[in-house]
Amino acid sequence: MERFKRGMGCCRAEREHIGLGCSPEQQLACAVTTLASRLQCAPDDAGRLLSELIATFPDRLAALLAEANDAGCVRLFIERAARACAALATKMERHAFRDQLTHRLCALDLAAFDDLMSVEWRRLRGK
């Protein structure tokens, strides 16, 4: 069973336990493949995985968005990405996160991301 987290050596715990690891590119490939399968076979469970993948690969959003787009789940991606972005500690981190999406989302989707991110940012900070 795959599990994804920052700093992992491999998405398969048993491989990591015996010292086998994968490159970050291989880890991302596993993540995208797992996401594609989940979006197709168990879409109701895909949201949690998507949140986990965004947290694990916050600087590689294009691949995750492309998979969500292929599955017709851009709205789910936007919702999960907005939450993750709002939770980032600094404005600079939030801008870098958003910049990855600027030319990959249409204007309406980017506006939805901005709105959801702002609402979540205020909620997290009690404003």
C-alpha atoms as a PDB file:
ATOM      1  CA  MET A   1       0.000   0.000   0.000  1.00  0.00           C
ATOM      2  CA  GLU A   2       1.326   3.417  -0.945  1.00  0.00           C
ATOM      3  CA  ARG A   3       1.611   6.290   1.461  1.00  0.00           C
ATOM      4  CA  PHE A   4       2.937   9.690   0.632  1.00  0.00           C
ATOM      5  CA  LYS A   5       4.628  12.184   2.930  1.00  0.00           C
ATOM      6  CA  ARG A   6       7.379  14.763   2.725  1.00  0.00           C
ATOM      7  CA  GLY A   7      10.852  13.355   3.125  1.00  0.00           C
ATOM      8  CA  MET A   8       9.858   9.789   2.280  1.00  0.00           C
ATOM      9  CA  GLY A   9      12.376   7.461   0.692  1.00  0.00           C
ATOM     10  CA  CYS A  10       9.706   5.431  -1.067  1.00  0.00           C
ATOM     11  CA  CYS A  11       5.911   5.393  -1.102  1.00  0.00           C
ATOM     12  CA  ARG A  12       5.982   1.733  -0.059  1.00  0.00           C
ATOM     13  CA  ALA A  13       6.854   1.502   3.630  1.00  0.00           C
ATOM     14  CA  GLU A  14       8.224  -2.044   3.371  1.00  0.00           C
ATOM     15  CA  ARG A  15      10.768  -0.950   0.728  1.00  0.00           C
ATOM     16  CA  GLU A  16      11.768   2.082   2.748  1.00  0.00           C
ATOM     17  CA  HIS A  17      12.126  -0.080   5.876  1.00  0.00           C
ATOM     18  CA  ILE A  18      14.830  -2.199   4.211  1.00  0.00           C
ATOM     19  CA  GLY A  19      16.654   0.839   2.875  1.00  0.00           C
ATOM     20  CA  LEU A  20      15.361   0.921  -0.677  1.00  0.00           C
ATOM     21  CA  GLY A  21      14.365   4.318  -1.926  1.00  0.00           C
ATOM     22  CA  CYS A  22      13.219   6.106  -5.035  1.00  0.00           C
ATOM     23  CA  SER A  23      14.155   9.389  -6.631  1.00  0.00           C
ATOM     24  CA  PRO A  24      11.735  12.301  -6.182  1.00  0.00           C
ATOM     25  CA  GLU A  25      10.750  11.883  -9.854  1.00  0.00           C
ATOM     26  CA  GLN A  26       9.902   8.216  -9.276  1.00  0.00           C
ATOM     27  CA  GLN A  27       7.930   9.140  -6.164  1.00  0.00           C
ATOM     28  CA  LEU A  28       5.943  11.723  -8.139  1.00  0.00           C
ATOM     29  CA  ALA A  29       5.295   9.173 -10.900  1.00  0.00           C
ATOM     30  CA  CYS A  30       3.920   6.733  -8.296  1.00  0.00           C
ATOM     31  CA  ALA A  31       1.812   9.512  -6.813  1.00  0.00           C
ATOM     32  CA  VAL A  32       0.314  10.502 -10.161  1.00  0.00           C
ATOM     33  CA  THR A  33      -0.410   6.869 -11.056  1.00  0.00           C
ATOM     34  CA  THR A  34      -2.062   6.288  -7.682  1.00  0.00           C
ATOM     35  CA  LEU A  35      -4.114   9.473  -8.068  1.00  0.00           C
ATOM     36  CA  ALA A  36      -5.257   8.473 -11.566  1.00  0.00           C
ATOM     37  CA  SER A  37      -6.383   5.091 -10.291  1.00  0.00           C
ATOM     38  CA  ARG A  38      -8.183   6.561  -7.289  1.00  0.00           C
ATOM     39  CA  LEU A  39      -9.951   9.215  -9.376  1.00  0.00           C
ATOM     40  CA  GLN A  40     -11.162   6.507 -11.746  1.00  0.00           C
ATOM     41  CA  CYS A  41     -11.951   3.649  -9.346  1.00  0.00           C
ATOM     42  CA  ALA A  42     -12.829   5.364  -6.057  1.00  0.00           C
ATOM     43  CA  PRO A  43     -13.527   9.044  -6.716  1.00  0.00           C
ATOM     44  CA  ASP A  44     -15.194   9.510  -3.324  1.00  0.00           C
ATOM     45  CA  ASP A  45     -11.882   8.658  -1.657  1.00  0.00           C
ATOM     46  CA  ALA A  46      -9.740  10.778  -3.972  1.00  0.00           C
ATOM     47  CA  GLY A  47     -10.001  14.007  -1.960  1.00  0.00           C
ATOM     48  CA  ARG A  48      -7.982  12.738   0.974  1.00  0.00           C
ATOM     49  CA  LEU A  49      -5.285  11.337  -1.317  1.00  0.00           C
ATOM     50  CA  LEU A  50      -5.171  14.573  -3.277  1.00  0.00           C
ATOM     51  CA  SER A  51      -4.655  16.575  -0.074  1.00  0.00           C
ATOM     52  CA  GLU A  52      -1.865  14.199   0.936  1.00  0.00           C
ATOM     53  CA  LEU A  53      -0.179  14.520  -2.457  1.00  0.00           C
ATOM     54  CA  ILE A  54      -0.405  18.311  -2.497  1.00  0.00           C
ATOM     55  CA  ALA A  55       1.219  18.379   0.949  1.00  0.00           C
ATOM     56  CA  THR A  56       3.922  15.954  -0.179  1.00  0.00           C
ATOM     57  CA  PHE A  57       4.646  17.629  -3.516  1.00  0.00           C
ATOM     58  CA  PRO A  58       3.765  21.319  -2.999  1.00  0.00           C
ATOM     59  CA  ASP A  59       6.236  22.375  -5.668  1.00  0.00           C
ATOM     60  CA  ARG A  60       5.008  19.853  -8.277  1.00  0.00           C
ATOM     61  CA  LEU A  61       1.354  20.834  -8.620  1.00  0.00           C
ATOM     62  CA  ALA A  62       1.261  20.711 -12.423  1.00  0.00           C
ATOM     63  CA  ALA A  63       1.343  16.911 -12.553  1.00  0.00           C
ATOM     64  CA  LEU A  64      -1.401  16.584  -9.942  1.00  0.00           C
ATOM     65  CA  LEU A  65      -3.576  19.198 -11.638  1.00  0.00           C
ATOM     66  CA  ALA A  66      -3.119  17.507 -15.021  1.00  0.00           C
ATOM     67  CA  GLU A  67      -4.333  14.207 -13.581  1.00  0.00           C
ATOM     68  CA  ALA A  68      -7.314  15.871 -11.888  1.00  0.00           C
ATOM     69  CA  ASN A  69      -8.114  17.660 -15.139  1.00  0.00           C
ATOM     70  CA  ASP A  70      -7.982  14.406 -17.122  1.00  0.00           C
ATOM     71  CA  ALA A  71     -10.460  12.876 -14.666  1.00  0.00           C
ATOM     72  CA  GLY A  72     -12.774  15.903 -14.740  1.00  0.00           C
ATOM     73  CA  CYS A  73     -11.993  16.722 -11.107  1.00  0.00           C
ATOM     74  CA  VAL A  74     -10.490  20.203 -11.358  1.00  0.00           C
ATOM     75  CA  ARG A  75     -12.908  21.557  -8.755  1.00  0.00           C
ATOM     76  CA  LEU A  76     -11.748  18.948  -6.236  1.00  0.00           C
ATOM     77  CA  PHE A  77      -8.135  19.886  -6.968  1.00  0.00           C
ATOM     78  CA  ILE A  78      -8.917  23.596  -6.503  1.00  0.00           C
ATOM     79  CA  GLU A  79     -10.630  22.974  -3.165  1.00  0.00           C
ATOM     80  CA  ARG A  80      -7.767  20.867  -1.805  1.00  0.00           C
ATOM     81  CA  ALA A  81      -5.049  23.132  -3.191  1.00  0.00           C
ATOM     82  CA  ALA A  82      -6.710  26.239  -1.728  1.00  0.00           C
ATOM     83  CA  ARG A  83      -6.711  24.664   1.733  1.00  0.00           C
ATOM     84  CA  ALA A  84      -3.066  23.673   1.436  1.00  0.00           C
ATOM     85  CA  CYS A  85      -2.073  27.110   0.179  1.00  0.00           C
ATOM     86  CA  ALA A  86      -3.900  28.919   2.968  1.00  0.00           C
ATOM     87  CA  ALA A  87      -2.075  26.818   5.552  1.00  0.00           C
ATOM     88  CA  LEU A  88       1.353  27.920   4.324  1.00  0.00           C
ATOM     89  CA  ALA A  89       3.097  30.106   6.868  1.00  0.00           C
ATOM     90  CA  THR A  90       4.346  32.989   4.753  1.00  0.00           C
ATOM     91  CA  LYS A  91       2.937  35.183   2.043  1.00  0.00           C
ATOM     92  CA  MET A  92       5.960  34.364  -0.109  1.00  0.00           C
ATOM     93  CA  GLU A  93       5.205  30.625   0.153  1.00  0.00           C
ATOM     94  CA  ARG A  94       1.557  31.214  -0.716  1.00  0.00           C
ATOM     95  CA  HIS A  95       2.496  33.300  -3.763  1.00  0.00           C
ATOM     96  CA  ALA A  96       4.976  30.653  -4.962  1.00  0.00           C
ATOM     97  CA  PHE A  97       2.288  27.986  -4.550  1.00  0.00           C
ATOM     98  CA  ARG A  98      -0.292  30.054  -6.467  1.00  0.00           C
ATOM     99  CA  ASP A  99       2.204  30.950  -9.201  1.00  0.00           C
ATOM    100  CA  GLN A 100       2.328  27.281 -10.182  1.00  0.00           C
ATOM    101  CA  LEU A 101      -1.375  27.461 -11.032  1.00  0.00           C
ATOM    102  CA  THR A 102      -1.593  30.875 -12.677  1.00  0.00           C
ATOM    103  CA  HIS A 103      -1.103  29.688 -16.262  1.00  0.00           C
ATOM    104  CA  ARG A 104      -2.618  26.251 -15.762  1.00  0.00           C
ATOM    105  CA  LEU A 105      -6.098  27.246 -14.584  1.00  0.00           C
ATOM    106  CA  CYS A 106      -8.631  29.266 -16.547  1.00  0.00           C
ATOM    107  CA  ALA A 107      -9.581  32.660 -15.129  1.00  0.00           C
ATOM    108  CA  LEU A 108     -12.764  31.329 -13.483  1.00  0.00           C
ATOM    109  CA  ASP A 109     -10.957  28.434 -11.829  1.00  0.00           C
ATOM    110  CA  LEU A 110      -8.142  30.698 -10.638  1.00  0.00           C
ATOM    111  CA  ALA A 111     -10.709  33.106  -9.176  1.00  0.00           C
ATOM    112  CA  ALA A 112     -12.393  30.181  -7.391  1.00  0.00           C
ATOM    113  CA  PHE A 113      -9.005  29.118  -6.015  1.00  0.00           C
ATOM    114  CA  ASP A 114      -8.324  32.664  -4.790  1.00  0.00           C
ATOM    115  CA  ASP A 115     -11.738  32.928  -3.132  1.00  0.00           C
ATOM    116  CA  LEU A 116     -11.477  29.556  -1.402  1.00  0.00           C
ATOM    117  CA  MET A 117      -7.905  30.228  -0.321  1.00  0.00           C
ATOM    118  CA  SER A 118      -8.853  33.613   1.165  1.00  0.00           C
ATOM    119  CA  VAL A 119     -11.767  32.142   3.104  1.00  0.00           C
ATOM    120  CA  GLU A 120      -9.572  29.337   4.464  1.00  0.00           C
ATOM    121  CA  TRP A 121      -6.738  31.762   5.287  1.00  0.00           C
ATOM    122  CA  ARG A 122      -9.141  33.904   7.354  1.00  0.00           C
ATOM    123  CA  ARG A 123     -10.606  30.845   9.059  1.00  0.00           C
ATOM    124  CA  LEU A 124      -7.189  29.502  10.026  1.00  0.00           C
ATOM    125  CA  ARG A 125      -6.078  32.823  11.422  1.00  0.00           C
ATOM    126  CA  GLY A 126      -9.346  33.734  13.127  1.00  0.00           C
ATOM    127  CA  LYS A 127      -9.898  36.851  11.041  1.00  0.00           C
END
